[in-house]
Amino acid sequence: MAASLYIVVEGEDPGFDIFVNGHSLARNEDALERLAERLKVSPLLEFFSADENSMALLLDQGAGNPEWAQHLPQPQWFDPAAGLVTICTLIEFLKDSPAALGSETAAVLGELREYERVLRKAAHRELRWHLAASWR
């Protein structure tokens, strides 16, 4: 089962493409968390929040228990600027240290740049965001 970390932007239609391929970020999340802590920025999973739509998707994919999905807290939304601090810091470090994640560095950098693109557009439109996960 492959995991993916993707961006959810608040509202029905943000007016731009929010698709990000978060497979490499999900595969390398532990290493990225350690790296973020070393760089003194928030780890990506600090921006994670589950909402009814993402949990329904997980249940449709066969993950999770319908019982706990009925008792979810309200989703948390984050300012894009906060996420951009983490993402841009990770990008700069990985550009300067291409061997940091071994053969995964290029793929992780590509996905971080996708995240940066989406969060810059969200910031421009003053839309909040959070991370969600899917498994296939």
N, C-alpha and C. Protein backbone atom coordinates (compact mmCIF):
# COMPACT_ATOMS: atom_id res chain seq x y z
N MET A 1 0.84 -1.16 0.00
CA MET A 1 0.00 0.00 0.00
C MET A 1 0.90 1.24 0.00
N ALA A 2 0.73 2.12 -0.99
CA ALA A 2 1.54 3.34 -1.09
C ALA A 2 0.79 4.51 -0.49
N ALA A 3 1.49 5.28 0.29
CA ALA A 3 0.90 6.45 0.92
C ALA A 3 1.24 7.70 0.11
N SER A 4 0.41 8.71 0.28
CA SER A 4 0.63 10.00 -0.35
C SER A 4 0.22 11.09 0.63
N LEU A 5 1.00 12.14 0.73
CA LEU A 5 0.64 13.33 1.50
C LEU A 5 0.23 14.40 0.50
N TYR A 6 -0.98 14.91 0.65
CA TYR A 6 -1.45 15.91 -0.30
C TYR A 6 -2.02 17.12 0.43
N ILE A 7 -2.14 18.21 -0.30
CA ILE A 7 -2.62 19.47 0.25
C ILE A 7 -4.12 19.59 0.03
N VAL A 8 -4.81 20.02 1.08
CA VAL A 8 -6.23 20.38 1.00
C VAL A 8 -6.30 21.88 1.25
N VAL A 9 -6.97 22.60 0.36
CA VAL A 9 -7.14 24.04 0.52
C VAL A 9 -8.58 24.29 0.94
N GLU A 10 -8.75 25.18 1.89
CA GLU A 10 -10.07 25.47 2.45
C GLU A 10 -11.01 26.01 1.36
N GLY A 11 -12.25 25.53 1.40
CA GLY A 11 -13.27 25.99 0.45
C GLY A 11 -13.55 24.94 -0.61
N GLU A 12 -14.59 25.20 -1.35
CA GLU A 12 -15.01 24.25 -2.39
C GLU A 12 -14.06 24.21 -3.59
N ASP A 13 -13.73 25.39 -4.13
CA ASP A 13 -12.88 25.47 -5.32
C ASP A 13 -11.94 26.65 -5.16
N PRO A 14 -10.65 26.38 -4.94
CA PRO A 14 -9.73 27.50 -4.72
C PRO A 14 -9.44 28.30 -5.99
N GLY A 15 -9.83 27.80 -7.16
CA GLY A 15 -9.59 28.53 -8.40
C GLY A 15 -8.25 28.22 -9.05
N PHE A 16 -7.56 27.19 -8.55
CA PHE A 16 -6.31 26.76 -9.14
C PHE A 16 -6.09 25.30 -8.81
N ASP A 17 -5.18 24.67 -9.56
CA ASP A 17 -4.90 23.25 -9.39
C ASP A 17 -4.11 23.03 -8.10
N ILE A 18 -4.63 22.20 -7.21
CA ILE A 18 -3.93 21.93 -5.95
C ILE A 18 -3.27 20.56 -5.94
N PHE A 19 -3.28 19.86 -7.07
CA PHE A 19 -2.71 18.52 -7.11
C PHE A 19 -1.22 18.56 -6.81
N VAL A 20 -0.80 17.69 -5.92
CA VAL A 20 0.61 17.45 -5.64
C VAL A 20 0.81 15.95 -5.55
N ASN A 21 1.92 15.48 -6.06
CA ASN A 21 2.24 14.07 -5.95
C ASN A 21 3.07 13.90 -4.69
N GLY A 22 2.46 13.46 -3.62
CA GLY A 22 3.14 13.38 -2.34
C GLY A 22 3.64 12.01 -1.96
N HIS A 23 3.87 11.13 -2.93
CA HIS A 23 4.34 9.78 -2.62
C HIS A 23 5.75 9.78 -2.02
N SER A 24 6.66 10.55 -2.61
CA SER A 24 8.03 10.59 -2.09
C SER A 24 8.09 11.24 -0.72
N LEU A 25 7.28 12.27 -0.51
CA LEU A 25 7.24 12.92 0.80
C LEU A 25 6.73 11.95 1.86
N ALA A 26 5.72 11.17 1.53
CA ALA A 26 5.19 10.18 2.48
C ALA A 26 6.24 9.10 2.77
N ARG A 27 6.92 8.62 1.73
CA ARG A 27 7.95 7.59 1.91
C ARG A 27 9.10 8.07 2.78
N ASN A 28 9.40 9.34 2.71
CA ASN A 28 10.56 9.90 3.40
C ASN A 28 10.18 10.78 4.59
N GLU A 29 8.97 10.64 5.08
CA GLU A 29 8.46 11.52 6.12
C GLU A 29 9.32 11.47 7.38
N ASP A 30 9.75 10.29 7.80
CA ASP A 30 10.59 10.20 9.01
C ASP A 30 11.89 10.99 8.86
N ALA A 31 12.55 10.81 7.74
CA ALA A 31 13.81 11.52 7.50
C ALA A 31 13.56 13.03 7.40
N LEU A 32 12.45 13.42 6.76
CA LEU A 32 12.13 14.84 6.64
C LEU A 32 11.78 15.45 7.99
N GLU A 33 11.15 14.67 8.85
CA GLU A 33 10.84 15.17 10.20
C GLU A 33 12.13 15.44 10.97
N ARG A 34 13.05 14.49 10.92
CA ARG A 34 14.34 14.69 11.60
C ARG A 34 15.09 15.89 11.02
N LEU A 35 15.03 16.03 9.71
CA LEU A 35 15.70 17.15 9.05
C LEU A 35 15.05 18.48 9.46
N ALA A 36 13.73 18.54 9.48
CA ALA A 36 13.04 19.76 9.88
C ALA A 36 13.41 20.15 11.31
N GLU A 37 13.45 19.16 12.19
CA GLU A 37 13.82 19.45 13.58
C GLU A 37 15.25 19.97 13.66
N ARG A 38 16.14 19.38 12.87
CA ARG A 38 17.53 19.84 12.85
C ARG A 38 17.64 21.26 12.31
N LEU A 39 16.77 21.60 11.35
CA LEU A 39 16.77 22.93 10.75
C LEU A 39 15.90 23.92 11.54
N LYS A 40 15.29 23.43 12.62
CA LYS A 40 14.47 24.25 13.52
C LYS A 40 13.25 24.87 12.83
N VAL A 41 12.57 24.03 12.01
CA VAL A 41 11.29 24.41 11.41
C VAL A 41 10.27 23.32 11.76
N SER A 42 9.02 23.64 11.59
CA SER A 42 7.96 22.68 11.89
C SER A 42 8.02 21.50 10.92
N PRO A 43 7.94 20.27 11.41
CA PRO A 43 7.85 19.12 10.51
C PRO A 43 6.55 19.18 9.70
N LEU A 44 6.56 18.59 8.53
CA LEU A 44 5.38 18.61 7.66
C LEU A 44 4.13 18.09 8.36
N LEU A 45 4.26 17.02 9.15
CA LEU A 45 3.07 16.44 9.77
C LEU A 45 2.42 17.34 10.82
N GLU A 46 3.10 18.40 11.23
CA GLU A 46 2.44 19.37 12.11
C GLU A 46 1.34 20.12 11.37
N PHE A 47 1.32 20.02 10.05
CA PHE A 47 0.28 20.65 9.24
C PHE A 47 -0.80 19.65 8.81
N PHE A 48 -0.77 18.45 9.38
CA PHE A 48 -1.75 17.42 9.05
C PHE A 48 -3.05 17.67 9.81
N SER A 49 -4.15 17.45 9.14
CA SER A 49 -5.46 17.48 9.78
C SER A 49 -6.40 16.60 8.96
N ALA A 50 -7.25 15.90 9.66
CA ALA A 50 -8.22 15.04 8.98
C ALA A 50 -9.56 15.75 8.95
N ASP A 51 -10.20 15.72 7.81
CA ASP A 51 -11.56 16.24 7.73
C ASP A 51 -12.47 15.13 7.21
N GLU A 52 -13.75 15.38 7.18
CA GLU A 52 -14.70 14.33 6.78
C GLU A 52 -14.42 13.81 5.39
N ASN A 53 -14.08 14.70 4.46
CA ASN A 53 -13.83 14.26 3.08
C ASN A 53 -12.62 13.35 2.97
N SER A 54 -11.52 13.72 3.63
CA SER A 54 -10.32 12.87 3.53
C SER A 54 -10.53 11.56 4.27
N MET A 55 -11.27 11.59 5.38
CA MET A 55 -11.53 10.34 6.09
C MET A 55 -12.47 9.45 5.29
N ALA A 56 -13.44 10.02 4.60
CA ALA A 56 -14.32 9.23 3.74
C ALA A 56 -13.52 8.56 2.64
N LEU A 57 -12.55 9.27 2.10
CA LEU A 57 -11.68 8.71 1.07
C LEU A 57 -10.88 7.53 1.62
N LEU A 58 -10.34 7.69 2.84
CA LEU A 58 -9.60 6.58 3.46
C LEU A 58 -10.50 5.37 3.67
N LEU A 59 -11.70 5.61 4.14
CA LEU A 59 -12.63 4.50 4.37
C LEU A 59 -12.97 3.81 3.05
N ASP A 60 -13.17 4.60 1.99
CA ASP A 60 -13.44 4.03 0.66
C ASP A 60 -12.28 3.18 0.18
N GLN A 61 -11.06 3.55 0.59
CA GLN A 61 -9.87 2.81 0.18
C GLN A 61 -9.60 1.62 1.09
N GLY A 62 -10.47 1.40 2.07
CA GLY A 62 -10.33 0.25 2.95
C GLY A 62 -9.48 0.48 4.18
N ALA A 63 -9.12 1.71 4.46
CA ALA A 63 -8.30 2.02 5.65
C ALA A 63 -9.20 2.66 6.70
N GLY A 64 -8.95 2.34 7.93
CA GLY A 64 -9.69 3.00 9.01
C GLY A 64 -10.95 2.28 9.42
N ASN A 65 -11.53 2.80 10.46
CA ASN A 65 -12.72 2.22 11.06
C ASN A 65 -13.85 3.24 11.00
N PRO A 66 -15.00 2.88 10.42
CA PRO A 66 -16.11 3.83 10.32
C PRO A 66 -16.57 4.39 11.66
N GLU A 67 -16.34 3.66 12.74
CA GLU A 67 -16.76 4.14 14.07
C GLU A 67 -16.01 5.40 14.47
N TRP A 68 -14.68 5.37 14.38
CA TRP A 68 -13.93 6.55 14.81
C TRP A 68 -14.08 7.70 13.83
N ALA A 69 -14.38 7.39 12.58
CA ALA A 69 -14.54 8.45 11.58
C ALA A 69 -15.74 9.33 11.89
N GLN A 70 -16.69 8.82 12.68
CA GLN A 70 -17.88 9.60 13.04
C GLN A 70 -17.61 10.59 14.17
N HIS A 71 -16.46 10.50 14.80
CA HIS A 71 -16.15 11.35 15.96
C HIS A 71 -14.91 12.21 15.72
N LEU A 72 -14.75 12.66 14.50
CA LEU A 72 -13.58 13.47 14.18
C LEU A 72 -13.72 14.88 14.73
N PRO A 73 -12.61 15.45 15.20
CA PRO A 73 -12.65 16.87 15.56
C PRO A 73 -12.76 17.71 14.29
N GLN A 74 -13.08 18.96 14.45
CA GLN A 74 -13.11 19.87 13.31
C GLN A 74 -11.71 19.94 12.69
N PRO A 75 -11.64 20.04 11.38
CA PRO A 75 -10.31 20.12 10.75
C PRO A 75 -9.58 21.39 11.18
N GLN A 76 -8.27 21.28 11.25
CA GLN A 76 -7.43 22.44 11.53
C GLN A 76 -6.97 23.02 10.20
N TRP A 77 -6.92 24.32 10.13
CA TRP A 77 -6.46 25.01 8.93
C TRP A 77 -5.25 25.86 9.30
N PHE A 78 -4.31 25.96 8.37
CA PHE A 78 -3.06 26.65 8.64
C PHE A 78 -2.83 27.76 7.63
N ASP A 79 -2.11 28.77 8.06
CA ASP A 79 -1.72 29.87 7.20
C ASP A 79 -0.65 29.35 6.23
N PRO A 80 -0.79 29.60 4.94
CA PRO A 80 0.22 29.13 3.99
C PRO A 80 1.63 29.61 4.32
N ALA A 81 1.76 30.79 4.90
CA ALA A 81 3.09 31.32 5.22
C ALA A 81 3.84 30.40 6.17
N ALA A 82 3.13 29.80 7.12
CA ALA A 82 3.78 28.88 8.07
C ALA A 82 4.31 27.65 7.34
N GLY A 83 3.52 27.11 6.44
CA GLY A 83 3.97 25.95 5.67
C GLY A 83 5.12 26.30 4.74
N LEU A 84 5.09 27.50 4.18
CA LEU A 84 6.16 27.91 3.27
C LEU A 84 7.50 28.03 3.98
N VAL A 85 7.49 28.39 5.25
CA VAL A 85 8.76 28.44 6.01
C VAL A 85 9.40 27.06 6.01
N THR A 86 8.61 26.05 6.37
CA THR A 86 9.14 24.68 6.40
C THR A 86 9.57 24.22 5.01
N ILE A 87 8.69 24.39 4.04
CA ILE A 87 8.95 23.86 2.70
C ILE A 87 10.16 24.54 2.06
N CYS A 88 10.24 25.86 2.15
CA CYS A 88 11.38 26.57 1.54
C CYS A 88 12.68 26.25 2.25
N THR A 89 12.63 26.07 3.56
CA THR A 89 13.85 25.69 4.30
C THR A 89 14.33 24.31 3.86
N LEU A 90 13.40 23.36 3.73
CA LEU A 90 13.76 22.02 3.28
C LEU A 90 14.31 22.06 1.86
N ILE A 91 13.67 22.83 0.97
CA ILE A 91 14.14 22.94 -0.41
C ILE A 91 15.57 23.47 -0.44
N GLU A 92 15.83 24.55 0.27
CA GLU A 92 17.17 25.14 0.26
C GLU A 92 18.22 24.16 0.77
N PHE A 93 17.90 23.46 1.86
CA PHE A 93 18.85 22.49 2.39
C PHE A 93 19.12 21.38 1.39
N LEU A 94 18.07 20.82 0.81
CA LEU A 94 18.23 19.69 -0.11
C LEU A 94 18.92 20.11 -1.41
N LYS A 95 18.72 21.34 -1.86
CA LYS A 95 19.44 21.83 -3.04
C LYS A 95 20.93 21.87 -2.75
N ASP A 96 21.29 22.27 -1.54
CA ASP A 96 22.70 22.37 -1.16
C ASP A 96 23.29 21.03 -0.72
N SER A 97 22.44 20.05 -0.42
CA SER A 97 22.89 18.74 0.07
C SER A 97 22.18 17.64 -0.72
N PRO A 98 22.49 17.48 -2.01
CA PRO A 98 21.75 16.56 -2.85
C PRO A 98 21.83 15.09 -2.44
N ALA A 99 22.77 14.73 -1.59
CA ALA A 99 22.88 13.34 -1.14
C ALA A 99 22.16 13.10 0.18
N ALA A 100 21.52 14.12 0.72
CA ALA A 100 20.91 14.03 2.05
C ALA A 100 19.90 12.89 2.17
N LEU A 101 19.13 12.65 1.12
CA LEU A 101 18.12 11.58 1.15
C LEU A 101 18.46 10.49 0.13
N GLY A 102 19.71 10.42 -0.24
CA GLY A 102 20.14 9.39 -1.19
C GLY A 102 19.46 9.55 -2.53
N SER A 103 19.04 8.45 -3.10
CA SER A 103 18.41 8.47 -4.43
C SER A 103 17.03 9.12 -4.42
N GLU A 104 16.47 9.38 -3.24
CA GLU A 104 15.14 9.99 -3.13
C GLU A 104 15.17 11.52 -3.17
N THR A 105 16.35 12.11 -3.06
CA THR A 105 16.44 13.57 -2.93
C THR A 105 15.76 14.30 -4.08
N ALA A 106 16.01 13.91 -5.31
CA ALA A 106 15.44 14.61 -6.46
C ALA A 106 13.91 14.53 -6.45
N ALA A 107 13.36 13.37 -6.15
CA ALA A 107 11.90 13.21 -6.12
C ALA A 107 11.28 14.04 -5.00
N VAL A 108 11.92 14.03 -3.83
CA VAL A 108 11.42 14.82 -2.69
C VAL A 108 11.48 16.31 -3.03
N LEU A 109 12.57 16.75 -3.63
CA LEU A 109 12.68 18.16 -4.03
C LEU A 109 11.58 18.54 -5.01
N GLY A 110 11.31 17.69 -5.96
CA GLY A 110 10.24 17.96 -6.92
C GLY A 110 8.89 18.13 -6.24
N GLU A 111 8.59 17.26 -5.30
CA GLU A 111 7.30 17.35 -4.60
C GLU A 111 7.25 18.57 -3.68
N LEU A 112 8.37 18.89 -3.03
CA LEU A 112 8.40 20.10 -2.20
C LEU A 112 8.16 21.34 -3.06
N ARG A 113 8.68 21.36 -4.25
CA ARG A 113 8.44 22.49 -5.16
C ARG A 113 6.96 22.55 -5.57
N GLU A 114 6.32 21.39 -5.75
CA GLU A 114 4.88 21.38 -6.02
C GLU A 114 4.12 21.98 -4.84
N TYR A 115 4.50 21.58 -3.63
CA TYR A 115 3.88 22.14 -2.42
C TYR A 115 4.07 23.65 -2.38
N GLU A 116 5.29 24.10 -2.67
CA GLU A 116 5.56 25.53 -2.65
C GLU A 116 4.65 26.27 -3.63
N ARG A 117 4.51 25.74 -4.83
CA ARG A 117 3.65 26.37 -5.85
C ARG A 117 2.22 26.52 -5.34
N VAL A 118 1.67 25.45 -4.78
CA VAL A 118 0.29 25.47 -4.30
C VAL A 118 0.15 26.45 -3.12
N LEU A 119 1.08 26.41 -2.18
CA LEU A 119 0.96 27.28 -1.01
C LEU A 119 1.15 28.75 -1.37
N ARG A 120 1.97 29.04 -2.35
CA ARG A 120 2.10 30.44 -2.78
C ARG A 120 0.78 30.94 -3.39
N LYS A 121 0.12 30.11 -4.17
CA LYS A 121 -1.18 30.49 -4.73
C LYS A 121 -2.22 30.62 -3.62
N ALA A 122 -2.20 29.72 -2.65
CA ALA A 122 -3.14 29.80 -1.53
C ALA A 122 -2.91 31.09 -0.74
N ALA A 123 -1.65 31.44 -0.51
CA ALA A 123 -1.33 32.66 0.22
C ALA A 123 -1.82 33.88 -0.56
N HIS A 124 -1.62 33.89 -1.87
CA HIS A 124 -2.06 35.00 -2.70
C HIS A 124 -3.58 35.20 -2.62
N ARG A 125 -4.30 34.10 -2.48
CA ARG A 125 -5.77 34.17 -2.41
C ARG A 125 -6.29 34.17 -0.97
N GLU A 126 -5.34 34.21 -0.01
CA GLU A 126 -5.67 34.23 1.42
C GLU A 126 -6.54 33.03 1.82
N LEU A 127 -6.12 31.85 1.35
CA LEU A 127 -6.81 30.60 1.67
C LEU A 127 -5.94 29.77 2.61
N ARG A 128 -6.56 29.16 3.59
CA ARG A 128 -5.82 28.31 4.52
C ARG A 128 -5.75 26.89 3.95
N TRP A 129 -4.91 26.07 4.57
CA TRP A 129 -4.64 24.73 4.04
C TRP A 129 -4.32 23.77 5.16
N HIS A 130 -4.28 22.49 4.83
CA HIS A 130 -3.69 21.46 5.69
C HIS A 130 -3.26 20.28 4.84
N LEU A 131 -2.47 19.40 5.43
CA LEU A 131 -2.08 18.17 4.76
C LEU A 131 -3.08 17.08 5.10
N ALA A 132 -3.27 16.18 4.17
CA ALA A 132 -4.07 14.98 4.37
C ALA A 132 -3.27 13.82 3.78
N ALA A 133 -3.72 12.61 4.05
CA ALA A 133 -3.02 11.42 3.56
C ALA A 133 -3.99 10.48 2.87
N SER A 134 -3.47 9.77 1.91
CA SER A 134 -4.25 8.68 1.30
C SER A 134 -3.32 7.49 1.13
N TRP A 135 -3.94 6.34 1.08
CA TRP A 135 -3.20 5.09 0.89
C TRP A 135 -3.84 4.34 -0.25
N ARG A 136 -3.00 3.81 -1.12
CA ARG A 136 -3.49 3.01 -2.26
C ARG A 136 -2.73 1.73 -2.33
